Amino acid sequence: MNIVVCVKYVPDAQADRTFSQDNTTDRTNVDGLLSELDEYAVEEALKLAEAGEGEVTVVTVGPDGAAEAIKKALQMGADKGVHVLDDAIHGSDAPATSLVLAEAVKKAAGGSPELVLMGLASTDGTMSVVPAMLAERLGLPQITQLSSMEIADGKVTGRRDSDAASDTLEAPLPAVVSVTDQINEPRYPSFKGIMAAKKKPVETWSLADLGVDAGQVGLDNAWTKVESFTARPPREQGEIVTDEGDGGTKLAEFLAKAKLI
């Protein structure tokens, strides 16, 4: 099975994240890594490949540092990687990103992959819309937010859980599927995997290599963008209330003043 996994290089969620002067995410002064939610998609692809005759290709779109996201996926066990790197992509929104990904996926798969896997959302944007946009551009059926899945008889079947119910969904292959963090437990790269990753092929493509016009991507052509932002105010010291029998009253007064009750 030819499986393509789309992953994203994101700022570390544990770091102090902010924006650059052009109101785009600051990726220069913050450590980056493979989006944690994408690790579940990589793991699911590896499990499917190990269960049969399969090859896993990891595709990412991003700056120089995005090569680290591919590196992590290769260390986990993916077979090869593709890094779409072009200065014109900077500031692209979800529609533009899906366009670049669609062309990269088709080129990486030699036409059409049998399965495209993605995480639930990126941990920086958390929009969860790119899987649907990618499926539309590829002309493939989509199933999103699966907490379990299996491949059999030329189709993918999975379960989507919500607060109210669980639904069983299926689609014929090829298809685009996004998975949640409930689907598996991503493996840690082994020493053998880390060493093997150094010899695995990674290709770097530009927009020209994909036949994408630079006028279709980038901050100047984005449909959505950040107009302004304000830094989070420093945390203030909390108020200590000594309970002298009237603690409940004081708590109620505090909540009322804050318009919480």
C-alpha atoms as a PDB file:
ATOM      1  CA  MET A   1       0.000   0.000   0.000  1.00  0.00           C
ATOM      2  CA  ASN A   2       1.243   3.460  -0.938  1.00  0.00           C
ATOM      3  CA  ILE A   3       0.611   5.663   2.140  1.00  0.00           C
ATOM      4  CA  VAL A   4       1.356   9.375   2.360  1.00  0.00           C
ATOM      5  CA  VAL A   5       1.322  11.128   5.731  1.00  0.00           C
ATOM      6  CA  CYS A   6       1.116  14.922   5.830  1.00  0.00           C
ATOM      7  CA  VAL A   7       2.852  16.381   8.880  1.00  0.00           C
ATOM      8  CA  LYS A   8       3.617  19.853  10.179  1.00  0.00           C
ATOM      9  CA  TYR A   9       6.562  21.498  11.917  1.00  0.00           C
ATOM     10  CA  VAL A  10       5.177  23.602  14.761  1.00  0.00           C
ATOM     11  CA  PRO A  11       6.515  25.741  17.616  1.00  0.00           C
ATOM     12  CA  ASP A  12       6.943  23.822  20.858  1.00  0.00           C
ATOM     13  CA  ALA A  13       3.693  24.159  22.815  1.00  0.00           C
ATOM     14  CA  GLN A  14       5.718  24.376  26.042  1.00  0.00           C
ATOM     15  CA  ALA A  15       7.604  27.463  24.827  1.00  0.00           C
ATOM     16  CA  ASP A  16       6.530  31.106  24.914  1.00  0.00           C
ATOM     17  CA  ARG A  17       4.974  31.421  21.487  1.00  0.00           C
ATOM     18  CA  THR A  18       4.444  34.765  19.798  1.00  0.00           C
ATOM     19  CA  PHE A  19       4.184  36.461  16.397  1.00  0.00           C
ATOM     20  CA  SER A  20       6.747  38.061  14.121  1.00  0.00           C
ATOM     21  CA  GLN A  21       6.590  41.645  12.876  1.00  0.00           C
ATOM     22  CA  ASP A  22       4.406  40.602   9.939  1.00  0.00           C
ATOM     23  CA  ASN A  23       1.892  38.986  12.349  1.00  0.00           C
ATOM     24  CA  THR A  24       2.831  35.441  11.345  1.00  0.00           C
ATOM     25  CA  THR A  25       3.874  32.774  13.820  1.00  0.00           C
ATOM     26  CA  ASP A  26       7.415  33.326  15.071  1.00  0.00           C
ATOM     27  CA  ARG A  27       9.304  30.171  14.095  1.00  0.00           C
ATOM     28  CA  THR A  28      12.786  31.659  14.405  1.00  0.00           C
ATOM     29  CA  ASN A  29      13.034  32.380  18.116  1.00  0.00           C
ATOM     30  CA  VAL A  30      11.074  29.336  19.303  1.00  0.00           C
ATOM     31  CA  ASP A  31      12.126  25.688  19.211  1.00  0.00           C
ATOM     32  CA  GLY A  32      10.071  23.635  16.780  1.00  0.00           C
ATOM     33  CA  LEU A  33       9.115  19.976  16.487  1.00  0.00           C
ATOM     34  CA  LEU A  34       6.841  17.519  14.715  1.00  0.00           C
ATOM     35  CA  SER A  35       3.260  18.358  15.697  1.00  0.00           C
ATOM     36  CA  GLU A  36       2.347  15.890  18.422  1.00  0.00           C
ATOM     37  CA  LEU A  37      -1.051  15.205  16.882  1.00  0.00           C
ATOM     38  CA  ASP A  38       0.651  14.216  13.621  1.00  0.00           C
ATOM     39  CA  GLU A  39       2.632  11.509  15.409  1.00  0.00           C
ATOM     40  CA  TYR A  40      -0.592   9.499  15.687  1.00  0.00           C
ATOM     41  CA  ALA A  41      -1.034   9.631  11.905  1.00  0.00           C
ATOM     42  CA  VAL A  42       2.561   8.508  11.381  1.00  0.00           C
ATOM     43  CA  GLU A  43       2.114   5.640  13.831  1.00  0.00           C
ATOM     44  CA  GLU A  44      -1.111   4.492  12.153  1.00  0.00           C
ATOM     45  CA  ALA A  45       0.595   4.542   8.759  1.00  0.00           C
ATOM     46  CA  LEU A  46       3.473   2.464  10.096  1.00  0.00           C
ATOM     47  CA  LYS A  47       1.087  -0.083  11.610  1.00  0.00           C
ATOM     48  CA  LEU A  48      -0.760  -0.441   8.304  1.00  0.00           C
ATOM     49  CA  ALA A  49       2.503  -0.780   6.370  1.00  0.00           C
ATOM     50  CA  GLU A  50       3.847  -3.381   8.796  1.00  0.00           C
ATOM     51  CA  ALA A  51       0.639  -5.406   8.520  1.00  0.00           C
ATOM     52  CA  GLY A  52       1.064  -5.736   4.754  1.00  0.00           C
ATOM     53  CA  GLU A  53       3.278  -4.696   1.885  1.00  0.00           C
ATOM     54  CA  GLY A  54       3.357  -0.940   2.316  1.00  0.00           C
ATOM     55  CA  GLU A  55       5.538   2.140   1.951  1.00  0.00           C
ATOM     56  CA  VAL A  56       5.147   5.289   4.037  1.00  0.00           C
ATOM     57  CA  THR A  57       6.089   8.684   2.618  1.00  0.00           C
ATOM     58  CA  VAL A  58       6.029  11.747   4.870  1.00  0.00           C
ATOM     59  CA  VAL A  59       5.295  15.154   3.334  1.00  0.00           C
ATOM     60  CA  THR A  60       5.708  18.526   5.013  1.00  0.00           C
ATOM     61  CA  VAL A  61       5.473  22.156   3.907  1.00  0.00           C
ATOM     62  CA  GLY A  62       7.514  24.671   5.859  1.00  0.00           C
ATOM     63  CA  PRO A  63      10.769  26.543   6.480  1.00  0.00           C
ATOM     64  CA  ASP A  64      14.237  25.013   6.839  1.00  0.00           C
ATOM     65  CA  GLY A  65      13.485  23.771  10.347  1.00  0.00           C
ATOM     66  CA  ALA A  66      10.597  21.659   9.041  1.00  0.00           C
ATOM     67  CA  ALA A  67      13.179  19.072   8.042  1.00  0.00           C
ATOM     68  CA  GLU A  68      13.201  18.127  11.732  1.00  0.00           C
ATOM     69  CA  ALA A  69       9.576  16.991  11.476  1.00  0.00           C
ATOM     70  CA  ILE A  70      10.498  14.669   8.612  1.00  0.00           C
ATOM     71  CA  LYS A  71      13.533  13.445  10.526  1.00  0.00           C
ATOM     72  CA  LYS A  72      11.386  12.438  13.512  1.00  0.00           C
ATOM     73  CA  ALA A  73       8.932  10.549  11.284  1.00  0.00           C
ATOM     74  CA  LEU A  74      11.785   8.713   9.540  1.00  0.00           C
ATOM     75  CA  GLN A  75      13.250   7.774  12.914  1.00  0.00           C
ATOM     76  CA  MET A  76       9.877   6.326  13.871  1.00  0.00           C
ATOM     77  CA  GLY A  77       9.994   4.150  10.759  1.00  0.00           C
ATOM     78  CA  ALA A  78       8.695   6.032   7.697  1.00  0.00           C
ATOM     79  CA  ASP A  79      10.467   5.092   4.457  1.00  0.00           C
ATOM     80  CA  LYS A  80      11.107   8.466   2.845  1.00  0.00           C
ATOM     81  CA  GLY A  81      10.330  12.137   3.139  1.00  0.00           C
ATOM     82  CA  VAL A  82       9.436  15.159   1.034  1.00  0.00           C
ATOM     83  CA  HIS A  83      10.045  18.736   2.167  1.00  0.00           C
ATOM     84  CA  VAL A  84       8.347  21.522   0.208  1.00  0.00           C
ATOM     85  CA  LEU A  85      10.565  24.529   0.835  1.00  0.00           C
ATOM     86  CA  ASP A  86      10.013  27.897  -0.829  1.00  0.00           C
ATOM     87  CA  ASP A  87      10.212  31.428   0.573  1.00  0.00           C
ATOM     88  CA  ALA A  88       7.018  32.340  -1.297  1.00  0.00           C
ATOM     89  CA  ILE A  89       5.013  29.963   0.929  1.00  0.00           C
ATOM     90  CA  HIS A  90       5.612  32.051   4.062  1.00  0.00           C
ATOM     91  CA  GLY A  91       2.340  33.245   5.580  1.00  0.00           C
ATOM     92  CA  SER A  92       0.119  30.894   3.571  1.00  0.00           C
ATOM     93  CA  ASP A  93      -3.311  30.151   5.014  1.00  0.00           C
ATOM     94  CA  ALA A  94      -5.184  26.839   5.004  1.00  0.00           C
ATOM     95  CA  PRO A  95      -6.478  27.022   1.389  1.00  0.00           C
ATOM     96  CA  ALA A  96      -2.990  27.772   0.055  1.00  0.00           C
ATOM     97  CA  THR A  97      -1.424  25.094   2.234  1.00  0.00           C
ATOM     98  CA  SER A  98      -3.903  22.516   0.950  1.00  0.00           C
ATOM     99  CA  LEU A  99      -3.031  23.489  -2.627  1.00  0.00           C
ATOM    100  CA  VAL A 100       0.687  22.948  -2.076  1.00  0.00           C
ATOM    101  CA  LEU A 101       0.074  19.720  -0.167  1.00  0.00           C
ATOM    102  CA  ALA A 102      -2.197  18.372  -2.910  1.00  0.00           C
ATOM    103  CA  GLU A 103       0.448  18.829  -5.583  1.00  0.00           C
ATOM    104  CA  ALA A 104       3.154  17.431  -3.315  1.00  0.00           C
ATOM    105  CA  VAL A 105       1.073  14.371  -2.431  1.00  0.00           C
ATOM    106  CA  LYS A 106       0.343  13.630  -6.088  1.00  0.00           C
ATOM    107  CA  LYS A 107       3.988  13.984  -7.054  1.00  0.00           C
ATOM    108  CA  ALA A 108       5.217  11.930  -4.100  1.00  0.00           C
ATOM    109  CA  ALA A 109       2.765   9.139  -4.879  1.00  0.00           C
ATOM    110  CA  GLY A 110       3.375   9.163  -8.604  1.00  0.00           C
ATOM    111  CA  GLY A 111      -0.213  10.161  -9.303  1.00  0.00           C
ATOM    112  CA  SER A 112      -2.585   9.178  -6.514  1.00  0.00           C
ATOM    113  CA  PRO A 113      -1.752   7.507  -3.195  1.00  0.00           C
ATOM    114  CA  GLU A 114      -3.901   4.687  -1.888  1.00  0.00           C
ATOM    115  CA  LEU A 115      -4.225   6.436   1.455  1.00  0.00           C
ATOM    116  CA  VAL A 116      -3.445   9.903   2.830  1.00  0.00           C
ATOM    117  CA  LEU A 117      -3.251  10.187   6.609  1.00  0.00           C
ATOM    118  CA  MET A 118      -3.230  13.357   8.698  1.00  0.00           C
ATOM    119  CA  GLY A 119      -3.492  14.322  12.343  1.00  0.00           C
ATOM    120  CA  LEU A 120      -6.594  15.801  13.939  1.00  0.00           C
ATOM    121  CA  ALA A 121      -5.166  19.335  13.739  1.00  0.00           C
ATOM    122  CA  SER A 122      -1.879  21.173  13.976  1.00  0.00           C
ATOM    123  CA  THR A 123      -0.990  22.217  17.493  1.00  0.00           C
ATOM    124  CA  ASP A 124      -0.315  25.811  16.425  1.00  0.00           C
ATOM    125  CA  GLY A 125      -3.298  26.691  14.218  1.00  0.00           C
ATOM    126  CA  THR A 126      -5.717  23.988  15.517  1.00  0.00           C
ATOM    127  CA  MET A 127      -8.107  24.644  12.608  1.00  0.00           C
ATOM    128  CA  SER A 128      -8.740  21.006  11.527  1.00  0.00           C
ATOM    129  CA  VAL A 129      -9.797  22.124   8.032  1.00  0.00           C
ATOM    130  CA  VAL A 130      -6.805  21.156   5.863  1.00  0.00           C
ATOM    131  CA  PRO A 131      -7.739  17.432   5.604  1.00  0.00           C
ATOM    132  CA  ALA A 132     -11.111  18.309   4.060  1.00  0.00           C
ATOM    133  CA  MET A 133      -9.557  20.895   1.738  1.00  0.00           C
ATOM    134  CA  LEU A 134      -6.875  18.432   0.667  1.00  0.00           C
ATOM    135  CA  ALA A 135      -9.458  15.750  -0.095  1.00  0.00           C
ATOM    136  CA  GLU A 136     -11.418  18.207  -2.215  1.00  0.00           C
ATOM    137  CA  ARG A 137      -8.332  19.189  -4.212  1.00  0.00           C
ATOM    138  CA  LEU A 138      -7.346  15.557  -4.739  1.00  0.00           C
ATOM    139  CA  GLY A 139     -10.900  14.577  -5.668  1.00  0.00           C
ATOM    140  CA  LEU A 140     -10.902  11.838  -3.014  1.00  0.00           C
ATOM    141  CA  PRO A 141     -13.441  10.825  -0.353  1.00  0.00           C
ATOM    142  CA  GLN A 142     -12.584  11.862   3.186  1.00  0.00           C
ATOM    143  CA  ILE A 143     -13.189  10.541   6.683  1.00  0.00           C
ATOM    144  CA  THR A 144     -12.073  12.786   9.506  1.00  0.00           C
ATOM    145  CA  GLN A 145     -11.445  12.510  13.245  1.00  0.00           C
ATOM    146  CA  LEU A 146     -11.260   8.728  13.481  1.00  0.00           C
ATOM    147  CA  SER A 147     -10.410   7.146  16.824  1.00  0.00           C
ATOM    148  CA  SER A 148     -10.027   3.705  15.216  1.00  0.00           C
ATOM    149  CA  MET A 149      -9.693   2.454  11.639  1.00  0.00           C
ATOM    150  CA  GLU A 150      -9.070  -0.609   9.525  1.00  0.00           C
ATOM    151  CA  ILE A 151      -8.411  -1.305   5.862  1.00  0.00           C
ATOM    152  CA  ALA A 152     -10.177  -4.224   4.162  1.00  0.00           C
ATOM    153  CA  ASP A 153     -11.835  -5.079   0.856  1.00  0.00           C
ATOM    154  CA  GLY A 154     -10.699  -1.884  -0.834  1.00  0.00           C
ATOM    155  CA  LYS A 155     -12.177   0.473   1.723  1.00  0.00           C
ATOM    156  CA  VAL A 156     -11.345   2.203   4.990  1.00  0.00           C
ATOM    157  CA  THR A 157     -13.707   1.842   7.946  1.00  0.00           C
ATOM    158  CA  GLY A 158     -13.412   3.745  11.200  1.00  0.00           C
ATOM    159  CA  ARG A 159     -15.130   5.098  14.299  1.00  0.00           C
ATOM    160  CA  ARG A 160     -15.656   8.749  15.082  1.00  0.00           C
ATOM    161  CA  ASP A 161     -16.441   9.538  18.701  1.00  0.00           C
ATOM    162  CA  SER A 162     -18.299  12.611  19.916  1.00  0.00           C
ATOM    163  CA  ASP A 163     -19.803  13.722  23.212  1.00  0.00           C
ATOM    164  CA  ALA A 164     -23.198  12.394  22.189  1.00  0.00           C
ATOM    165  CA  ALA A 165     -22.465   9.253  20.175  1.00  0.00           C
ATOM    166  CA  SER A 166     -20.015   7.161  18.171  1.00  0.00           C
ATOM    167  CA  ASP A 167     -20.447   6.793  14.413  1.00  0.00           C
ATOM    168  CA  THR A 168     -19.027   4.131  12.097  1.00  0.00           C
ATOM    169  CA  LEU A 169     -17.881   5.586   8.787  1.00  0.00           C
ATOM    170  CA  GLU A 170     -16.448   4.057   5.639  1.00  0.00           C
ATOM    171  CA  ALA A 171     -15.086   5.209   2.307  1.00  0.00           C
ATOM    172  CA  PRO A 172     -13.603   3.513  -0.738  1.00  0.00           C
ATOM    173  CA  LEU A 173      -9.863   3.738  -1.311  1.00  0.00           C
ATOM    174  CA  PRO A 174      -8.045   5.892  -2.192  1.00  0.00           C
ATOM    175  CA  ALA A 175      -9.133   8.278   0.554  1.00  0.00           C
ATOM    176  CA  VAL A 176      -7.981  11.037   2.887  1.00  0.00           C
ATOM    177  CA  VAL A 177      -8.271  10.210   6.598  1.00  0.00           C
ATOM    178  CA  SER A 178      -7.507  12.263   9.709  1.00  0.00           C
ATOM    179  CA  VAL A 179      -7.067  10.547  13.071  1.00  0.00           C
ATOM    180  CA  THR A 180      -7.335  11.624  16.706  1.00  0.00           C
ATOM    181  CA  ASP A 181      -4.998  11.043  19.622  1.00  0.00           C
ATOM    182  CA  GLN A 182      -7.184   8.127  20.739  1.00  0.00           C
ATOM    183  CA  ILE A 183      -6.286   5.868  17.827  1.00  0.00           C
ATOM    184  CA  ASN A 184      -2.918   4.557  19.056  1.00  0.00           C
ATOM    185  CA  GLU A 185       0.176   5.247  21.132  1.00  0.00           C
ATOM    186  CA  PRO A 186       3.015   6.605  18.946  1.00  0.00           C
ATOM    187  CA  ARG A 187       6.282   4.724  19.269  1.00  0.00           C
ATOM    188  CA  TYR A 188       9.519   6.259  20.450  1.00  0.00           C
ATOM    189  CA  PRO A 189      12.326   6.170  17.878  1.00  0.00           C
ATOM    190  CA  SER A 190      14.713   3.343  18.701  1.00  0.00           C
ATOM    191  CA  PHE A 191      18.488   3.638  18.375  1.00  0.00           C
ATOM    192  CA  LYS A 192      18.250   1.429  15.293  1.00  0.00           C
ATOM    193  CA  GLY A 193      15.547   3.681  13.859  1.00  0.00           C
ATOM    194  CA  ILE A 194      17.580   6.817  14.527  1.00  0.00           C
ATOM    195  CA  MET A 195      20.600   5.393  12.737  1.00  0.00           C
ATOM    196  CA  ALA A 196      18.530   4.020   9.843  1.00  0.00           C
ATOM    197  CA  ALA A 197      16.847   7.408   9.310  1.00  0.00           C
ATOM    198  CA  LYS A 198      20.192   8.925   8.298  1.00  0.00           C
ATOM    199  CA  LYS A 199      20.233   6.805   5.152  1.00  0.00           C
ATOM    200  CA  LYS A 200      16.601   7.285   4.131  1.00  0.00           C
ATOM    201  CA  PRO A 201      15.882   9.535   1.129  1.00  0.00           C
ATOM    202  CA  VAL A 202      14.504  13.035   1.644  1.00  0.00           C
ATOM    203  CA  GLU A 203      13.659  15.205  -1.359  1.00  0.00           C
ATOM    204  CA  THR A 204      13.297  18.983  -1.251  1.00  0.00           C
ATOM    205  CA  TRP A 205      10.880  20.543  -3.726  1.00  0.00           C
ATOM    206  CA  SER A 206      10.094  24.141  -4.594  1.00  0.00           C
ATOM    207  CA  LEU A 207       6.798  25.555  -5.860  1.00  0.00           C
ATOM    208  CA  ALA A 208       8.214  25.390  -9.373  1.00  0.00           C
ATOM    209  CA  ASP A 209       8.847  21.670  -8.946  1.00  0.00           C
ATOM    210  CA  LEU A 210       5.148  21.263  -8.143  1.00  0.00           C
ATOM    211  CA  GLY A 211       3.865  23.584 -10.850  1.00  0.00           C
ATOM    212  CA  VAL A 212       2.290  25.919  -8.287  1.00  0.00           C
ATOM    213  CA  ASP A 213       2.185  29.655  -9.064  1.00  0.00           C
ATOM    214  CA  ALA A 214       3.699  31.745  -6.271  1.00  0.00           C
ATOM    215  CA  GLY A 215       0.791  34.155  -6.756  1.00  0.00           C
ATOM    216  CA  GLN A 216      -1.536  31.527  -5.262  1.00  0.00           C
ATOM    217  CA  VAL A 217       0.247  31.266  -1.914  1.00  0.00           C
ATOM    218  CA  GLY A 218       1.914  33.413   0.707  1.00  0.00           C
ATOM    219  CA  LEU A 219       0.808  36.093   3.126  1.00  0.00           C
ATOM    220  CA  ASP A 220      -0.158  38.638   0.466  1.00  0.00           C
ATOM    221  CA  ASN A 221      -2.559  36.143  -1.116  1.00  0.00           C
ATOM    222  CA  ALA A 222      -4.011  34.706   2.086  1.00  0.00           C
ATOM    223  CA  TRP A 223      -7.770  34.774   2.641  1.00  0.00           C
ATOM    224  CA  THR A 224      -7.221  34.862   6.391  1.00  0.00           C
ATOM    225  CA  LYS A 225      -4.495  36.629   8.326  1.00  0.00           C
ATOM    226  CA  VAL A 226      -3.793  38.076  11.778  1.00  0.00           C
ATOM    227  CA  GLU A 227      -4.375  41.843  11.775  1.00  0.00           C
ATOM    228  CA  SER A 228      -3.046  42.509  15.267  1.00  0.00           C
ATOM    229  CA  PHE A 229      -2.161  40.794  18.508  1.00  0.00           C
ATOM    230  CA  THR A 230      -1.552  41.687  22.137  1.00  0.00           C
ATOM    231  CA  ALA A 231       0.895  39.923  24.407  1.00  0.00           C
ATOM    232  CA  ARG A 232      -0.643  38.003  27.289  1.00  0.00           C
ATOM    233  CA  PRO A 233      -0.434  40.116  30.459  1.00  0.00           C
ATOM    234  CA  PRO A 234       1.850  38.833  33.228  1.00  0.00           C
ATOM    235  CA  ARG A 235       0.185  36.646  35.829  1.00  0.00           C
ATOM    236  CA  GLU A 236      -0.784  38.603  38.938  1.00  0.00           C
ATOM    237  CA  GLN A 237      -0.603  37.338  42.478  1.00  0.00           C
ATOM    238  CA  GLY A 238      -3.850  35.820  43.648  1.00  0.00           C
ATOM    239  CA  GLU A 239      -5.914  37.109  46.526  1.00  0.00           C
ATOM    240  CA  ILE A 240      -5.697  35.124  49.754  1.00  0.00           C
ATOM    241  CA  VAL A 241      -8.882  34.982  51.806  1.00  0.00           C
ATOM    242  CA  THR A 242      -8.727  33.847  55.410  1.00  0.00           C
ATOM    243  CA  ASP A 243     -11.801  31.867  56.314  1.00  0.00           C
ATOM    244  CA  GLU A 244     -13.151  33.129  59.619  1.00  0.00           C
ATOM    245  CA  GLY A 245     -16.536  31.552  59.166  1.00  0.00           C
ATOM    246  CA  ASP A 246     -17.471  33.800  56.259  1.00  0.00           C
ATOM    247  CA  GLY A 247     -15.320  32.142  53.584  1.00  0.00           C
ATOM    248  CA  GLY A 248     -18.334  31.092  51.513  1.00  0.00           C
ATOM    249  CA  THR A 249     -19.719  34.615  51.490  1.00  0.00           C
ATOM    250  CA  LYS A 250     -16.385  36.103  50.474  1.00  0.00           C
ATOM    251  CA  LEU A 251     -16.031  33.535  47.677  1.00  0.00           C
ATOM    252  CA  ALA A 252     -19.508  34.343  46.362  1.00  0.00           C
ATOM    253  CA  GLU A 253     -18.749  38.078  46.484  1.00  0.00           C
ATOM    254  CA  PHE A 254     -15.497  37.510  44.552  1.00  0.00           C
ATOM    255  CA  LEU A 255     -17.235  35.449  41.865  1.00  0.00           C
ATOM    256  CA  ALA A 256     -20.048  37.993  41.592  1.00  0.00           C
ATOM    257  CA  LYS A 257     -17.557  40.835  41.198  1.00  0.00           C
ATOM    258  CA  ALA A 258     -15.841  38.937  38.409  1.00  0.00           C
ATOM    259  CA  LYS A 259     -19.273  38.341  36.833  1.00  0.00           C
ATOM    260  CA  LEU A 260     -18.796  34.595  37.046  1.00  0.00           C
ATOM    261  CA  ILE A 261     -22.077  34.075  38.848  1.00  0.00           C
END
